[in-house]
Amino acid sequence: MTKVYFTSDFHFYHSSILYFHPQRREAFGITLEELQSDKSLAVEKMNQGLIKLWNDTVTRDDTVYFLGDFSFGNKIETEKILQQLKGKKFLIRGNHDKSLNGLDRYFQYVGDIKEAKFSNNQFKFIDPNETFCVEMCHYPLLTWNRRPHGTIMLQAHCHGALDSFNVSSGELRVDVGLDATLGNYQMIELEQLYKYFSNIRDNAGCKTFQEYNEKLMEKQGVRL
C-alpha cells in the first residue's frame, strides 16, 4: 500500500536554523563547534541528512504534502535537491519558497492552501463511518474551511513554538513541521496523524471529528 506523508520547514541551505534549533544539529550529527568553524560544511551535512531522511522514508509511489519553507538555496541548488527526492510531491507554499519559483514541474500541486480527504476505502485504519479531512496551510489559522464539519487544520511555520497552545486550546490543529513535537525530526505518516487526532476525539468522548468540533465551538461561543 502506498503511504501519505506530511512535513514542512526543511530549510535546506539555511545555516541559521542550526543555531536556532540545537535539536536539529543533534538529529543530523552536527556539533556547535563544526557549525562555528565551517558553516558550509555543516549545512551540507544537514542537507544530506534531510535527503537521506526523505528517501529512507518515502518510496517512489508515496505522496508527500510539504507545507512550506523548503530551501534557502538558489534555484539551481534547490532543483538539484528536488531531483533527488522520491515520491509525488504537493507544495503548500511558505514564506521562504522563492527558490521554488519556476520549479512547479516537480510538484503535483502548488498553492497557498490545500484540502485533502482520506477514507476507509483508501486506508483501512480510518473509521468507515466518516471521512478524514485536512486543511493545510503554512501558517496556523484560527478558523478554516469546513471546521464545523470536523475538518482538521495542519500548519507549519512555527517550528513547534505553537504546540503547547494548540494542545491547550483543544483545537484539532497541529504543526507538522520537522522541528515540531509530532514530527520530531521525522516525516509524519497519515496513520500517525489520524491516530493523533483520534486520541483527542476519543478522550473527549466524541464519536466523530464533527461532533468534537461542534462541542468545542459551542463551548467557545463561536461558529466560524
C-alpha atoms as a PDB file:
ATOM      1  CA  MET A   1       0.000   0.000   0.000  1.00  0.00           C
ATOM      2  CA  THR A   2       1.281   3.447  -0.874  1.00  0.00           C
ATOM      3  CA  LYS A   3       1.613   5.878   2.014  1.00  0.00           C
ATOM      4  CA  VAL A   4       0.913   9.560   2.556  1.00  0.00           C
ATOM      5  CA  TYR A   5       3.276  11.836   4.487  1.00  0.00           C
ATOM      6  CA  PHE A   6       3.097  15.376   5.851  1.00  0.00           C
ATOM      7  CA  THR A   7       6.045  17.587   6.706  1.00  0.00           C
ATOM      8  CA  SER A   8       7.468  21.093   6.354  1.00  0.00           C
ATOM      9  CA  ASP A   9      10.244  23.529   7.171  1.00  0.00           C
ATOM     10  CA  PHE A  10      13.238  21.513   5.970  1.00  0.00           C
ATOM     11  CA  HIS A  11      15.158  24.763   5.332  1.00  0.00           C
ATOM     12  CA  PHE A  12      17.741  23.274   3.018  1.00  0.00           C
ATOM     13  CA  TYR A  13      20.867  25.500   2.824  1.00  0.00           C
ATOM     14  CA  HIS A  14      19.872  27.502   5.915  1.00  0.00           C
ATOM     15  CA  SER A  15      22.754  27.752   8.371  1.00  0.00           C
ATOM     16  CA  SER A  16      20.976  29.937  10.942  1.00  0.00           C
ATOM     17  CA  ILE A  17      18.372  27.287  11.694  1.00  0.00           C
ATOM     18  CA  LEU A  18      21.175  25.131  13.065  1.00  0.00           C
ATOM     19  CA  TYR A  19      21.766  27.849  15.674  1.00  0.00           C
ATOM     20  CA  PHE A  20      18.053  28.328  16.403  1.00  0.00           C
ATOM     21  CA  HIS A  21      17.354  24.614  16.854  1.00  0.00           C
ATOM     22  CA  PRO A  22      20.132  22.664  18.583  1.00  0.00           C
ATOM     23  CA  GLN A  23      17.911  19.567  18.404  1.00  0.00           C
ATOM     24  CA  ARG A  24      18.260  19.747  14.631  1.00  0.00           C
ATOM     25  CA  ARG A  25      22.036  19.740  14.981  1.00  0.00           C
ATOM     26  CA  GLU A  26      21.755  16.690  17.189  1.00  0.00           C
ATOM     27  CA  ALA A  27      19.384  14.949  14.760  1.00  0.00           C
ATOM     28  CA  PHE A  28      21.883  15.278  11.923  1.00  0.00           C
ATOM     29  CA  GLY A  29      25.057  14.763  13.925  1.00  0.00           C
ATOM     30  CA  ILE A  30      26.345  18.337  13.738  1.00  0.00           C
ATOM     31  CA  THR A  31      28.229  19.861  16.650  1.00  0.00           C
ATOM     32  CA  LEU A  32      28.182  23.537  17.539  1.00  0.00           C
ATOM     33  CA  GLU A  33      31.938  23.590  17.032  1.00  0.00           C
ATOM     34  CA  GLU A  34      31.511  22.256  13.468  1.00  0.00           C
ATOM     35  CA  LEU A  35      28.899  24.899  12.732  1.00  0.00           C
ATOM     36  CA  GLN A  36      31.028  27.730  14.077  1.00  0.00           C
ATOM     37  CA  SER A  37      34.196  26.624  12.285  1.00  0.00           C
ATOM     38  CA  ASP A  38      32.693  25.812   8.866  1.00  0.00           C
ATOM     39  CA  LYS A  39      29.073  26.787   8.187  1.00  0.00           C
ATOM     40  CA  SER A  40      29.076  25.488   4.622  1.00  0.00           C
ATOM     41  CA  LEU A  41      30.232  22.038   5.730  1.00  0.00           C
ATOM     42  CA  ALA A  42      27.623  21.946   8.486  1.00  0.00           C
ATOM     43  CA  VAL A  43      24.893  22.973   6.041  1.00  0.00           C
ATOM     44  CA  GLU A  44      25.970  20.297   3.566  1.00  0.00           C
ATOM     45  CA  LYS A  45      25.812  17.727   6.363  1.00  0.00           C
ATOM     46  CA  MET A  46      22.286  18.878   7.192  1.00  0.00           C
ATOM     47  CA  ASN A  47      21.251  18.822   3.527  1.00  0.00           C
ATOM     48  CA  GLN A  48      22.487  15.270   3.071  1.00  0.00           C
ATOM     49  CA  GLY A  49      20.786  14.231   6.308  1.00  0.00           C
ATOM     50  CA  LEU A  50      17.489  15.709   5.129  1.00  0.00           C
ATOM     51  CA  ILE A  51      17.747  13.970   1.752  1.00  0.00           C
ATOM     52  CA  LYS A  52      18.509  10.650   3.455  1.00  0.00           C
ATOM     53  CA  LEU A  53      15.606  11.101   5.879  1.00  0.00           C
ATOM     54  CA  TRP A  54      13.236  11.749   2.980  1.00  0.00           C
ATOM     55  CA  ASN A  55      14.406   8.890   0.771  1.00  0.00           C
ATOM     56  CA  ASP A  56      14.661   6.394   3.616  1.00  0.00           C
ATOM     57  CA  THR A  57      11.017   7.170   4.431  1.00  0.00           C
ATOM     58  CA  VAL A  58       9.322   7.779   1.089  1.00  0.00           C
ATOM     59  CA  THR A  59       9.025   5.383  -1.851  1.00  0.00           C
ATOM     60  CA  ARG A  60       8.573   6.383  -5.471  1.00  0.00           C
ATOM     61  CA  ASP A  61       4.797   5.820  -5.273  1.00  0.00           C
ATOM     62  CA  ASP A  62       4.177   7.548  -1.941  1.00  0.00           C
ATOM     63  CA  THR A  63       2.708  11.032  -1.585  1.00  0.00           C
ATOM     64  CA  VAL A  64       4.247  13.898   0.377  1.00  0.00           C
ATOM     65  CA  TYR A  65       2.381  17.070   1.339  1.00  0.00           C
ATOM     66  CA  PHE A  66       5.071  19.668   2.039  1.00  0.00           C
ATOM     67  CA  LEU A  67       3.740  22.681   3.955  1.00  0.00           C
ATOM     68  CA  GLY A  68       6.359  25.224   3.024  1.00  0.00           C
ATOM     69  CA  ASP A  69       9.854  26.584   3.655  1.00  0.00           C
ATOM     70  CA  PHE A  70      11.681  24.057   1.542  1.00  0.00           C
ATOM     71  CA  SER A  71      15.010  25.706   0.729  1.00  0.00           C
ATOM     72  CA  PHE A  72      17.134  28.790   1.294  1.00  0.00           C
ATOM     73  CA  GLY A  73      19.382  27.863  -1.611  1.00  0.00           C
ATOM     74  CA  ASN A  74      19.175  29.419  -5.041  1.00  0.00           C
ATOM     75  CA  LYS A  75      17.017  27.950  -7.795  1.00  0.00           C
ATOM     76  CA  ILE A  76      19.794  25.743  -9.199  1.00  0.00           C
ATOM     77  CA  GLU A  77      20.728  24.380  -5.772  1.00  0.00           C
ATOM     78  CA  THR A  78      17.101  23.798  -4.889  1.00  0.00           C
ATOM     79  CA  GLU A  79      16.359  21.983  -8.142  1.00  0.00           C
ATOM     80  CA  LYS A  80      19.285  19.627  -7.536  1.00  0.00           C
ATOM     81  CA  ILE A  81      17.717  18.725  -4.191  1.00  0.00           C
ATOM     82  CA  LEU A  82      14.289  18.138  -5.733  1.00  0.00           C
ATOM     83  CA  GLN A  83      15.763  15.855  -8.372  1.00  0.00           C
ATOM     84  CA  GLN A  84      16.943  13.502  -5.642  1.00  0.00           C
ATOM     85  CA  LEU A  85      13.712  13.195  -3.660  1.00  0.00           C
ATOM     86  CA  LYS A  86      11.311  10.295  -4.095  1.00  0.00           C
ATOM     87  CA  GLY A  87       7.530  10.415  -4.199  1.00  0.00           C
ATOM     88  CA  LYS A  88       4.687  12.526  -5.537  1.00  0.00           C
ATOM     89  CA  LYS A  89       5.003  15.965  -4.022  1.00  0.00           C
ATOM     90  CA  PHE A  90       2.355  18.568  -3.185  1.00  0.00           C
ATOM     91  CA  LEU A  91       3.621  22.016  -2.206  1.00  0.00           C
ATOM     92  CA  ILE A  92       1.728  24.349   0.095  1.00  0.00           C
ATOM     93  CA  ARG A  93       3.909  27.431  -0.138  1.00  0.00           C
ATOM     94  CA  GLY A  94       5.611  29.079   2.819  1.00  0.00           C
ATOM     95  CA  ASN A  95       7.251  32.465   3.279  1.00  0.00           C
ATOM     96  CA  HIS A  96      10.689  31.105   2.308  1.00  0.00           C
ATOM     97  CA  ASP A  97       9.958  29.407  -1.001  1.00  0.00           C
ATOM     98  CA  LYS A  98      11.183  31.924  -3.583  1.00  0.00           C
ATOM     99  CA  SER A  99      13.768  29.424  -4.830  1.00  0.00           C
ATOM    100  CA  LEU A 100      10.899  27.159  -5.924  1.00  0.00           C
ATOM    101  CA  ASN A 101       9.586  29.714  -8.414  1.00  0.00           C
ATOM    102  CA  GLY A 102       9.654  28.118 -11.844  1.00  0.00           C
ATOM    103  CA  LEU A 103      10.007  24.595 -10.419  1.00  0.00           C
ATOM    104  CA  ASP A 104       6.310  23.694 -10.400  1.00  0.00           C
ATOM    105  CA  ARG A 105       7.009  20.662 -12.630  1.00  0.00           C
ATOM    106  CA  TYR A 106       8.399  18.841  -9.593  1.00  0.00           C
ATOM    107  CA  PHE A 107       5.040  19.024  -7.819  1.00  0.00           C
ATOM    108  CA  GLN A 108       1.572  17.607  -8.376  1.00  0.00           C
ATOM    109  CA  TYR A 109       0.156  20.790  -6.861  1.00  0.00           C
ATOM    110  CA  VAL A 110       1.476  24.224  -5.866  1.00  0.00           C
ATOM    111  CA  GLY A 111      -0.667  26.659  -3.887  1.00  0.00           C
ATOM    112  CA  ASP A 112      -1.140  28.515  -0.625  1.00  0.00           C
ATOM    113  CA  ILE A 113      -3.780  26.231   0.842  1.00  0.00           C
ATOM    114  CA  LYS A 114      -4.860  22.675   0.139  1.00  0.00           C
ATOM    115  CA  GLU A 115      -7.641  20.386   1.280  1.00  0.00           C
ATOM    116  CA  ALA A 116      -7.307  16.608   1.190  1.00  0.00           C
ATOM    117  CA  LYS A 117      -9.748  13.841   2.103  1.00  0.00           C
ATOM    118  CA  PHE A 118      -8.982  10.271   3.096  1.00  0.00           C
ATOM    119  CA  SER A 119     -11.474   7.450   3.555  1.00  0.00           C
ATOM    120  CA  ASN A 120     -11.678   3.849   4.707  1.00  0.00           C
ATOM    121  CA  ASN A 121     -11.864   2.784   1.060  1.00  0.00           C
ATOM    122  CA  GLN A 122      -8.292   4.026   0.681  1.00  0.00           C
ATOM    123  CA  PHE A 123      -6.886   3.376   4.152  1.00  0.00           C
ATOM    124  CA  LYS A 124      -8.402   0.701   6.380  1.00  0.00           C
ATOM    125  CA  PHE A 125      -7.280   2.350   9.625  1.00  0.00           C
ATOM    126  CA  ILE A 126      -9.755   5.201   9.038  1.00  0.00           C
ATOM    127  CA  ASP A 127     -13.211   4.863  10.603  1.00  0.00           C
ATOM    128  CA  PRO A 128     -15.586   3.710   7.847  1.00  0.00           C
ATOM    129  CA  ASN A 129     -18.311   5.997   9.223  1.00  0.00           C
ATOM    130  CA  GLU A 130     -16.531   9.251   8.363  1.00  0.00           C
ATOM    131  CA  THR A 131     -14.014  10.841   6.030  1.00  0.00           C
ATOM    132  CA  PHE A 132     -10.780  12.190   7.470  1.00  0.00           C
ATOM    133  CA  CYS A 133     -10.466  15.712   6.040  1.00  0.00           C
ATOM    134  CA  VAL A 134      -7.471  18.004   6.472  1.00  0.00           C
ATOM    135  CA  GLU A 135      -6.956  21.647   5.561  1.00  0.00           C
ATOM    136  CA  MET A 136      -3.292  22.533   5.002  1.00  0.00           C
ATOM    137  CA  CYS A 137      -1.663  25.957   5.172  1.00  0.00           C
ATOM    138  CA  HIS A 138       1.882  27.029   6.018  1.00  0.00           C
ATOM    139  CA  TYR A 139       0.505  29.421   8.615  1.00  0.00           C
ATOM    140  CA  PRO A 140      -1.704  28.383  11.560  1.00  0.00           C
ATOM    141  CA  LEU A 141      -5.287  29.505  11.002  1.00  0.00           C
ATOM    142  CA  LEU A 142      -7.782  30.487  13.685  1.00  0.00           C
ATOM    143  CA  THR A 143     -10.564  29.065  11.567  1.00  0.00           C
ATOM    144  CA  TRP A 144     -10.637  27.151   8.300  1.00  0.00           C
ATOM    145  CA  ASN A 145     -12.923  25.677   5.672  1.00  0.00           C
ATOM    146  CA  ARG A 146     -15.408  23.084   6.959  1.00  0.00           C
ATOM    147  CA  ARG A 147     -14.120  23.297  10.517  1.00  0.00           C
ATOM    148  CA  PRO A 148     -17.683  22.882  11.856  1.00  0.00           C
ATOM    149  CA  HIS A 149     -17.893  19.640   9.866  1.00  0.00           C
ATOM    150  CA  GLY A 150     -14.808  18.140  11.512  1.00  0.00           C
ATOM    151  CA  THR A 151     -12.013  19.143   9.155  1.00  0.00           C
ATOM    152  CA  ILE A 152      -8.539  19.117  10.730  1.00  0.00           C
ATOM    153  CA  MET A 153      -6.056  22.011  10.473  1.00  0.00           C
ATOM    154  CA  LEU A 154      -2.441  21.201   9.545  1.00  0.00           C
ATOM    155  CA  GLN A 155       0.031  24.080   9.842  1.00  0.00           C
ATOM    156  CA  ALA A 156       3.767  24.718   9.743  1.00  0.00           C
ATOM    157  CA  HIS A 157       5.945  27.847  10.120  1.00  0.00           C
ATOM    158  CA  CYS A 158       6.216  27.830  13.924  1.00  0.00           C
ATOM    159  CA  HIS A 159       8.864  25.129  14.428  1.00  0.00           C
ATOM    160  CA  GLY A 160       6.978  23.799  17.437  1.00  0.00           C
ATOM    161  CA  ALA A 161       6.512  27.156  19.180  1.00  0.00           C
ATOM    162  CA  LEU A 162       2.724  26.855  18.959  1.00  0.00           C
ATOM    163  CA  ASP A 163       2.495  23.222  20.065  1.00  0.00           C
ATOM    164  CA  SER A 164       1.521  23.914  23.688  1.00  0.00           C
ATOM    165  CA  PHE A 165      -1.083  26.443  22.569  1.00  0.00           C
ATOM    166  CA  ASN A 166      -2.588  24.007  20.061  1.00  0.00           C
ATOM    167  CA  VAL A 167      -2.914  21.369  22.763  1.00  0.00           C
ATOM    168  CA  SER A 168      -4.301  23.681  25.463  1.00  0.00           C
ATOM    169  CA  SER A 169      -6.803  25.262  23.070  1.00  0.00           C
ATOM    170  CA  GLY A 170      -8.307  21.886  22.281  1.00  0.00           C
ATOM    171  CA  GLU A 171      -8.342  22.749  18.578  1.00  0.00           C
ATOM    172  CA  LEU A 172      -7.897  19.974  16.027  1.00  0.00           C
ATOM    173  CA  ARG A 173      -4.788  21.721  14.742  1.00  0.00           C
ATOM    174  CA  VAL A 174      -1.163  20.581  14.710  1.00  0.00           C
ATOM    175  CA  ASP A 175       2.236  21.718  13.454  1.00  0.00           C
ATOM    176  CA  VAL A 176       3.552  19.062  11.049  1.00  0.00           C
ATOM    177  CA  GLY A 177       6.982  20.701  10.752  1.00  0.00           C
ATOM    178  CA  LEU A 178      10.226  18.819  11.106  1.00  0.00           C
ATOM    179  CA  ASP A 179      11.165  20.686  14.308  1.00  0.00           C
ATOM    180  CA  ALA A 180       7.739  20.384  15.953  1.00  0.00           C
ATOM    181  CA  THR A 181       6.716  17.842  18.578  1.00  0.00           C
ATOM    182  CA  LEU A 182       4.655  15.484  16.439  1.00  0.00           C
ATOM    183  CA  GLY A 183       7.238  15.193  13.683  1.00  0.00           C
ATOM    184  CA  ASN A 184      10.284  15.200  15.973  1.00  0.00           C
ATOM    185  CA  TYR A 185      12.694  15.121  13.001  1.00  0.00           C
ATOM    186  CA  GLN A 186      10.725  12.505  11.130  1.00  0.00           C
ATOM    187  CA  MET A 187       8.102  12.790   8.400  1.00  0.00           C
ATOM    188  CA  ILE A 188       4.553  12.255   9.672  1.00  0.00           C
ATOM    189  CA  GLU A 189       2.671   9.373   8.091  1.00  0.00           C
ATOM    190  CA  LEU A 190      -1.103   9.595   7.591  1.00  0.00           C
ATOM    191  CA  GLU A 191      -1.857   6.783  10.027  1.00  0.00           C
ATOM    192  CA  GLN A 192       0.213   8.501  12.739  1.00  0.00           C
ATOM    193  CA  LEU A 193      -1.635  11.753  12.093  1.00  0.00           C
ATOM    194  CA  TYR A 194      -5.034  10.044  12.167  1.00  0.00           C
ATOM    195  CA  LYS A 195      -4.257   8.277  15.440  1.00  0.00           C
ATOM    196  CA  TYR A 196      -3.057  11.551  16.992  1.00  0.00           C
ATOM    197  CA  PHE A 197      -6.373  13.268  16.321  1.00  0.00           C
ATOM    198  CA  SER A 198      -8.448  10.154  17.027  1.00  0.00           C
ATOM    199  CA  ASN A 199      -6.986  10.031  20.535  1.00  0.00           C
ATOM    200  CA  ILE A 200      -8.037  13.651  21.115  1.00  0.00           C
ATOM    201  CA  ARG A 201     -11.543  12.905  19.818  1.00  0.00           C
ATOM    202  CA  ASP A 202     -11.907   9.670  21.787  1.00  0.00           C
ATOM    203  CA  ASN A 203     -10.597  11.149  25.044  1.00  0.00           C
ATOM    204  CA  ALA A 204     -13.291  13.817  24.761  1.00  0.00           C
ATOM    205  CA  GLY A 205     -15.939  11.107  24.470  1.00  0.00           C
ATOM    206  CA  CYS A 206     -16.860  12.034  20.893  1.00  0.00           C
ATOM    207  CA  LYS A 207     -17.629   9.578  18.094  1.00  0.00           C
ATOM    208  CA  THR A 208     -16.706  11.834  15.168  1.00  0.00           C
ATOM    209  CA  PHE A 209     -14.464  14.819  14.499  1.00  0.00           C
ATOM    210  CA  GLN A 210     -17.576  16.803  13.585  1.00  0.00           C
ATOM    211  CA  GLU A 211     -19.095  16.112  16.995  1.00  0.00           C
ATOM    212  CA  TYR A 212     -15.828  17.130  18.649  1.00  0.00           C
ATOM    213  CA  ASN A 213     -15.599  20.437  16.792  1.00  0.00           C
ATOM    214  CA  GLU A 214     -19.264  21.219  17.325  1.00  0.00           C
ATOM    215  CA  LYS A 215     -18.878  20.778  21.095  1.00  0.00           C
ATOM    216  CA  LEU A 216     -15.676  22.838  21.123  1.00  0.00           C
ATOM    217  CA  MET A 217     -17.278  25.699  19.181  1.00  0.00           C
ATOM    218  CA  GLU A 218     -20.342  25.614  21.426  1.00  0.00           C
ATOM    219  CA  LYS A 219     -18.009  25.955  24.420  1.00  0.00           C
ATOM    220  CA  GLN A 220     -16.222  28.849  22.692  1.00  0.00           C
ATOM    221  CA  GLY A 221     -19.495  30.503  21.793  1.00  0.00           C
ATOM    222  CA  VAL A 222     -18.499  30.779  18.127  1.00  0.00           C
ATOM    223  CA  ARG A 223     -19.280  29.013  14.890  1.00  0.00           C
ATOM    224  CA  LEU A 224     -16.777  30.129  12.273  1.00  0.00           C
END
